[in-house]
Amino acid sequence: MAHVTREHLDRLLEQALLADDHGSLAGRLYDVALDYSSGDVSRASILVQAAEEWRAAGQPARALECFQRAVEDGGETGIDPRAGIADTLFELDRHDEAREVIETVRAEGDVSAATAHSIAETLVAYGDLEAGHEWVTQALLTCASDDPERMSMLRTRYRIRLDLGLPEDEIDALVS
């Protein structure tokens, strides 16, 4: 069992970026998660990072497994891993399942702004602008005014509203 530090993960990420080898990094992150005993970063967070690397390596089925393990682990991840599950299910052309996951997240409530923003981006990427607009608006209404992602959320919402042909509103006016 291993104690995982943020520096250890940063070294892994740096090596993989230099080698441009997402598959290798995903495998190494997965191994670190399996050997995890404690650390600065939760096992669930490491599994989410592994999942993202599997996706970048073109292996969405392996990514889905890592996202699901992160949910089962229950550790802190920043963004609900189910947002990644939904995105990956869309990528695998399992749209109905993806929407079920999103509805489960909505039904459970208490969605973080980062999770809502991630879901909004996924929905927009797969052509559901109206639902994406609802989710990003929710993200903005729940995020703190000093949230570093707030401007990104404002831009996402503004872009969606333009695509929907909606007039500018008071929230759009905050983008400058």
C-alpha atoms as a PDB file:
ATOM      1  CA  MET A   1       0.000   0.000   0.000  1.00  0.00           C
ATOM      2  CA  ALA A   2       1.268   3.447  -0.898  1.00  0.00           C
ATOM      3  CA  HIS A   3       0.927   6.971   0.394  1.00  0.00           C
ATOM      4  CA  VAL A   4       0.260   9.157  -2.656  1.00  0.00           C
ATOM      5  CA  THR A   5       1.402  12.758  -2.708  1.00  0.00           C
ATOM      6  CA  ARG A   6       0.401  15.465  -5.145  1.00  0.00           C
ATOM      7  CA  GLU A   7       4.085  15.720  -6.152  1.00  0.00           C
ATOM      8  CA  HIS A   8       4.095  12.019  -7.084  1.00  0.00           C
ATOM      9  CA  LEU A   9       1.063  12.525  -9.318  1.00  0.00           C
ATOM     10  CA  ASP A  10       2.557  15.684 -10.822  1.00  0.00           C
ATOM     11  CA  ARG A  11       5.716  13.746 -11.775  1.00  0.00           C
ATOM     12  CA  LEU A  12       3.623  11.031 -13.440  1.00  0.00           C
ATOM     13  CA  LEU A  13       1.642  13.653 -15.357  1.00  0.00           C
ATOM     14  CA  GLU A  14       4.773  15.503 -16.436  1.00  0.00           C
ATOM     15  CA  GLN A  15       6.472  12.330 -17.689  1.00  0.00           C
ATOM     16  CA  ALA A  16       3.390  11.307 -19.657  1.00  0.00           C
ATOM     17  CA  LEU A  17       2.941  14.760 -21.158  1.00  0.00           C
ATOM     18  CA  LEU A  18       6.533  14.733 -22.347  1.00  0.00           C
ATOM     19  CA  ALA A  19       6.063  11.270 -23.857  1.00  0.00           C
ATOM     20  CA  ASP A  20       2.557  12.130 -25.158  1.00  0.00           C
ATOM     21  CA  ASP A  21       1.396   8.709 -23.984  1.00  0.00           C
ATOM     22  CA  HIS A  22      -2.050   8.864 -22.418  1.00  0.00           C
ATOM     23  CA  GLY A  23      -2.511   5.094 -22.317  1.00  0.00           C
ATOM     24  CA  SER A  24       0.657   4.553 -20.319  1.00  0.00           C
ATOM     25  CA  LEU A  25      -0.265   7.317 -17.893  1.00  0.00           C
ATOM     26  CA  ALA A  26      -3.778   5.923 -17.481  1.00  0.00           C
ATOM     27  CA  GLY A  27      -2.356   2.517 -16.623  1.00  0.00           C
ATOM     28  CA  ARG A  28       0.106   3.984 -14.148  1.00  0.00           C
ATOM     29  CA  LEU A  29      -2.581   6.095 -12.471  1.00  0.00           C
ATOM     30  CA  TYR A  30      -4.841   3.063 -12.244  1.00  0.00           C
ATOM     31  CA  ASP A  31      -2.013   1.065 -10.628  1.00  0.00           C
ATOM     32  CA  VAL A  32      -1.410   3.909  -8.159  1.00  0.00           C
ATOM     33  CA  ALA A  33      -5.118   3.887  -7.275  1.00  0.00           C
ATOM     34  CA  LEU A  34      -5.069   0.128  -6.713  1.00  0.00           C
ATOM     35  CA  ASP A  35      -2.008   0.422  -4.437  1.00  0.00           C
ATOM     36  CA  TYR A  36      -3.402   3.479  -2.603  1.00  0.00           C
ATOM     37  CA  SER A  37      -3.485   3.552   1.194  1.00  0.00           C
ATOM     38  CA  SER A  38      -3.500   7.295   1.940  1.00  0.00           C
ATOM     39  CA  GLY A  39      -2.421  10.587   0.504  1.00  0.00           C
ATOM     40  CA  ASP A  40      -2.909  14.233  -0.404  1.00  0.00           C
ATOM     41  CA  VAL A  41      -5.286  13.185  -3.176  1.00  0.00           C
ATOM     42  CA  SER A  42      -8.146  10.734  -2.789  1.00  0.00           C
ATOM     43  CA  ARG A  43      -8.194   7.359  -4.527  1.00  0.00           C
ATOM     44  CA  ALA A  44     -11.408   8.449  -6.276  1.00  0.00           C
ATOM     45  CA  SER A  45      -9.645  11.527  -7.666  1.00  0.00           C
ATOM     46  CA  ILE A  46      -6.807   9.369  -9.005  1.00  0.00           C
ATOM     47  CA  LEU A  47      -9.355   7.061 -10.642  1.00  0.00           C
ATOM     48  CA  VAL A  48     -11.018  10.068 -12.294  1.00  0.00           C
ATOM     49  CA  GLN A  49      -7.630  11.202 -13.624  1.00  0.00           C
ATOM     50  CA  ALA A  50      -7.002   7.683 -14.931  1.00  0.00           C
ATOM     51  CA  ALA A  51     -10.432   7.720 -16.591  1.00  0.00           C
ATOM     52  CA  GLU A  52      -9.702  11.013 -18.333  1.00  0.00           C
ATOM     53  CA  GLU A  53      -6.398   9.631 -19.588  1.00  0.00           C
ATOM     54  CA  TRP A  54      -8.110   6.473 -20.877  1.00  0.00           C
ATOM     55  CA  ARG A  55     -10.520   8.703 -22.774  1.00  0.00           C
ATOM     56  CA  ALA A  56      -7.629  10.706 -24.222  1.00  0.00           C
ATOM     57  CA  ALA A  57      -6.034   7.398 -25.254  1.00  0.00           C
ATOM     58  CA  GLY A  58      -9.187   6.450 -27.144  1.00  0.00           C
ATOM     59  CA  GLN A  59     -10.283   3.775 -24.683  1.00  0.00           C
ATOM     60  CA  PRO A  60     -13.681   4.934 -23.404  1.00  0.00           C
ATOM     61  CA  ALA A  61     -14.693   1.509 -22.053  1.00  0.00           C
ATOM     62  CA  ARG A  62     -11.699   1.510 -19.705  1.00  0.00           C
ATOM     63  CA  ALA A  63     -12.482   5.114 -18.793  1.00  0.00           C
ATOM     64  CA  LEU A  64     -16.032   4.132 -17.905  1.00  0.00           C
ATOM     65  CA  GLU A  65     -14.731   1.439 -15.562  1.00  0.00           C
ATOM     66  CA  CYS A  66     -12.468   3.959 -13.779  1.00  0.00           C
ATOM     67  CA  PHE A  67     -15.272   6.511 -13.411  1.00  0.00           C
ATOM     68  CA  GLN A  68     -17.530   3.818 -11.964  1.00  0.00           C
ATOM     69  CA  ARG A  69     -14.839   2.725  -9.512  1.00  0.00           C
ATOM     70  CA  ALA A  70     -14.431   6.370  -8.439  1.00  0.00           C
ATOM     71  CA  VAL A  71     -18.170   6.540  -7.686  1.00  0.00           C
ATOM     72  CA  GLU A  72     -17.957   3.300  -5.710  1.00  0.00           C
ATOM     73  CA  ASP A  73     -14.928   4.609  -3.791  1.00  0.00           C
ATOM     74  CA  GLY A  74     -16.862   7.698  -2.738  1.00  0.00           C
ATOM     75  CA  GLY A  75     -13.798   9.858  -2.131  1.00  0.00           C
ATOM     76  CA  GLU A  76     -13.515  13.565  -2.933  1.00  0.00           C
ATOM     77  CA  THR A  77     -13.149  14.259  -6.651  1.00  0.00           C
ATOM     78  CA  GLY A  78     -14.074  17.905  -7.214  1.00  0.00           C
ATOM     79  CA  ILE A  79     -16.537  16.991  -9.959  1.00  0.00           C
ATOM     80  CA  ASP A  80     -18.999  14.143  -9.497  1.00  0.00           C
ATOM     81  CA  PRO A  81     -17.542  11.200 -11.473  1.00  0.00           C
ATOM     82  CA  ARG A  82     -21.032  10.519 -12.808  1.00  0.00           C
ATOM     83  CA  ALA A  83     -20.571  13.578 -15.039  1.00  0.00           C
ATOM     84  CA  GLY A  84     -17.661  11.699 -16.613  1.00  0.00           C
ATOM     85  CA  ILE A  85     -19.746   8.545 -16.798  1.00  0.00           C
ATOM     86  CA  ALA A  86     -22.477  10.412 -18.689  1.00  0.00           C
ATOM     87  CA  ASP A  87     -19.962  11.972 -21.088  1.00  0.00           C
ATOM     88  CA  THR A  88     -18.336   8.598 -21.726  1.00  0.00           C
ATOM     89  CA  LEU A  89     -21.698   6.904 -22.274  1.00  0.00           C
ATOM     90  CA  PHE A  90     -22.515   9.543 -24.884  1.00  0.00           C
ATOM     91  CA  GLU A  91     -19.141   8.855 -26.503  1.00  0.00           C
ATOM     92  CA  LEU A  92     -20.029   5.153 -26.600  1.00  0.00           C
ATOM     93  CA  ASP A  93     -23.387   6.005 -28.285  1.00  0.00           C
ATOM     94  CA  ARG A  94     -25.301   4.932 -25.180  1.00  0.00           C
ATOM     95  CA  HIS A  95     -27.298   8.162 -25.071  1.00  0.00           C
ATOM     96  CA  ASP A  96     -30.301   6.850 -23.101  1.00  0.00           C
ATOM     97  CA  GLU A  97     -28.028   5.552 -20.346  1.00  0.00           C
ATOM     98  CA  ALA A  98     -26.148   8.850 -20.300  1.00  0.00           C
ATOM     99  CA  ARG A  99     -29.383  10.787 -19.854  1.00  0.00           C
ATOM    100  CA  GLU A 100     -30.435   8.424 -17.054  1.00  0.00           C
ATOM    101  CA  VAL A 101     -27.178   9.151 -15.216  1.00  0.00           C
ATOM    102  CA  ILE A 102     -27.717  12.895 -15.650  1.00  0.00           C
ATOM    103  CA  GLU A 103     -31.293  12.640 -14.375  1.00  0.00           C
ATOM    104  CA  THR A 104     -30.091  10.678 -11.350  1.00  0.00           C
ATOM    105  CA  VAL A 105     -27.592  13.431 -10.548  1.00  0.00           C
ATOM    106  CA  ARG A 106     -30.353  16.037 -10.927  1.00  0.00           C
ATOM    107  CA  ALA A 107     -32.829  14.053  -8.797  1.00  0.00           C
ATOM    108  CA  GLU A 108     -30.348  13.646  -5.964  1.00  0.00           C
ATOM    109  CA  GLY A 109     -29.845  17.417  -5.842  1.00  0.00           C
ATOM    110  CA  ASP A 110     -26.970  19.238  -4.170  1.00  0.00           C
ATOM    111  CA  VAL A 111     -25.014  19.392  -7.434  1.00  0.00           C
ATOM    112  CA  SER A 112     -21.769  21.348  -7.293  1.00  0.00           C
ATOM    113  CA  ALA A 113     -21.266  24.185  -9.745  1.00  0.00           C
ATOM    114  CA  ALA A 114     -18.316  22.349 -11.318  1.00  0.00           C
ATOM    115  CA  THR A 115     -20.411  19.216 -11.854  1.00  0.00           C
ATOM    116  CA  ALA A 116     -23.306  21.203 -13.335  1.00  0.00           C
ATOM    117  CA  HIS A 117     -20.893  22.988 -15.690  1.00  0.00           C
ATOM    118  CA  SER A 118     -19.355  19.690 -16.794  1.00  0.00           C
ATOM    119  CA  ILE A 119     -22.788  18.217 -17.500  1.00  0.00           C
ATOM    120  CA  ALA A 120     -23.755  21.360 -19.425  1.00  0.00           C
ATOM    121  CA  GLU A 121     -20.664  21.067 -21.629  1.00  0.00           C
ATOM    122  CA  THR A 122     -21.429  17.395 -22.289  1.00  0.00           C
ATOM    123  CA  LEU A 123     -25.034  18.087 -23.238  1.00  0.00           C
ATOM    124  CA  VAL A 124     -24.008  20.882 -25.592  1.00  0.00           C
ATOM    125  CA  ALA A 125     -21.355  18.679 -27.196  1.00  0.00           C
ATOM    126  CA  TYR A 126     -24.053  16.116 -27.961  1.00  0.00           C
ATOM    127  CA  GLY A 127     -26.540  18.635 -29.320  1.00  0.00           C
ATOM    128  CA  ASP A 128     -28.867  19.350 -26.404  1.00  0.00           C
ATOM    129  CA  LEU A 129     -28.474  23.123 -26.121  1.00  0.00           C
ATOM    130  CA  GLU A 130     -31.624  23.669 -24.042  1.00  0.00           C
ATOM    131  CA  ALA A 131     -30.593  21.202 -21.340  1.00  0.00           C
ATOM    132  CA  GLY A 132     -27.020  22.522 -21.476  1.00  0.00           C
ATOM    133  CA  HIS A 133     -28.389  26.025 -20.883  1.00  0.00           C
ATOM    134  CA  GLU A 134     -30.367  24.834 -17.849  1.00  0.00           C
ATOM    135  CA  TRP A 135     -27.333  23.101 -16.339  1.00  0.00           C
ATOM    136  CA  VAL A 136     -24.882  25.951 -16.880  1.00  0.00           C
ATOM    137  CA  THR A 137     -27.407  28.435 -15.490  1.00  0.00           C
ATOM    138  CA  GLN A 138     -27.709  26.198 -12.421  1.00  0.00           C
ATOM    139  CA  ALA A 139     -23.916  26.144 -12.185  1.00  0.00           C
ATOM    140  CA  LEU A 140     -23.783  29.935 -12.190  1.00  0.00           C
ATOM    141  CA  LEU A 141     -26.533  30.250  -9.599  1.00  0.00           C
ATOM    142  CA  THR A 142     -24.718  27.887  -7.229  1.00  0.00           C
ATOM    143  CA  CYS A 143     -21.096  28.942  -7.705  1.00  0.00           C
ATOM    144  CA  ALA A 144     -19.375  31.416  -5.448  1.00  0.00           C
ATOM    145  CA  SER A 145     -18.622  34.833  -6.912  1.00  0.00           C
ATOM    146  CA  ASP A 146     -14.890  34.176  -6.415  1.00  0.00           C
ATOM    147  CA  ASP A 147     -14.993  30.711  -8.032  1.00  0.00           C
ATOM    148  CA  PRO A 148     -12.078  30.562 -10.506  1.00  0.00           C
ATOM    149  CA  GLU A 149     -14.339  28.737 -12.988  1.00  0.00           C
ATOM    150  CA  ARG A 150     -17.085  31.365 -12.880  1.00  0.00           C
ATOM    151  CA  MET A 151     -15.898  33.239 -15.973  1.00  0.00           C
ATOM    152  CA  SER A 152     -15.707  29.994 -17.928  1.00  0.00           C
ATOM    153  CA  MET A 153     -19.280  29.206 -16.875  1.00  0.00           C
ATOM    154  CA  LEU A 154     -20.420  32.675 -17.941  1.00  0.00           C
ATOM    155  CA  ARG A 155     -18.782  32.225 -21.344  1.00  0.00           C
ATOM    156  CA  THR A 156     -20.320  28.780 -21.787  1.00  0.00           C
ATOM    157  CA  ARG A 157     -23.778  30.129 -20.965  1.00  0.00           C
ATOM    158  CA  TYR A 158     -23.344  33.119 -23.264  1.00  0.00           C
ATOM    159  CA  ARG A 159     -22.210  30.882 -26.140  1.00  0.00           C
ATOM    160  CA  ILE A 160     -25.202  28.570 -25.632  1.00  0.00           C
ATOM    161  CA  ARG A 161     -27.610  31.501 -25.528  1.00  0.00           C
ATOM    162  CA  LEU A 162     -26.176  32.823 -28.801  1.00  0.00           C
ATOM    163  CA  ASP A 163     -26.573  29.386 -30.399  1.00  0.00           C
ATOM    164  CA  LEU A 164     -30.172  29.225 -29.146  1.00  0.00           C
ATOM    165  CA  GLY A 165     -30.881  32.712 -30.485  1.00  0.00           C
ATOM    166  CA  LEU A 166     -31.835  34.015 -27.049  1.00  0.00           C
ATOM    167  CA  PRO A 167     -31.504  37.709 -26.231  1.00  0.00           C
ATOM    168  CA  GLU A 168     -28.823  38.889 -23.873  1.00  0.00           C
ATOM    169  CA  ASP A 169     -29.908  38.984 -20.228  1.00  0.00           C
ATOM    170  CA  GLU A 170     -28.481  40.348 -16.965  1.00  0.00           C
ATOM    171  CA  ILE A 171     -26.266  37.300 -16.461  1.00  0.00           C
ATOM    172  CA  ASP A 172     -24.823  37.649 -19.983  1.00  0.00           C
ATOM    173  CA  ALA A 173     -23.935  41.239 -19.157  1.00  0.00           C
ATOM    174  CA  LEU A 174     -21.422  39.883 -16.607  1.00  0.00           C
ATOM    175  CA  VAL A 175     -19.269  38.540 -19.470  1.00  0.00           C
ATOM    176  CA  SER A 176     -16.762  41.199 -20.358  1.00  0.00           C
END
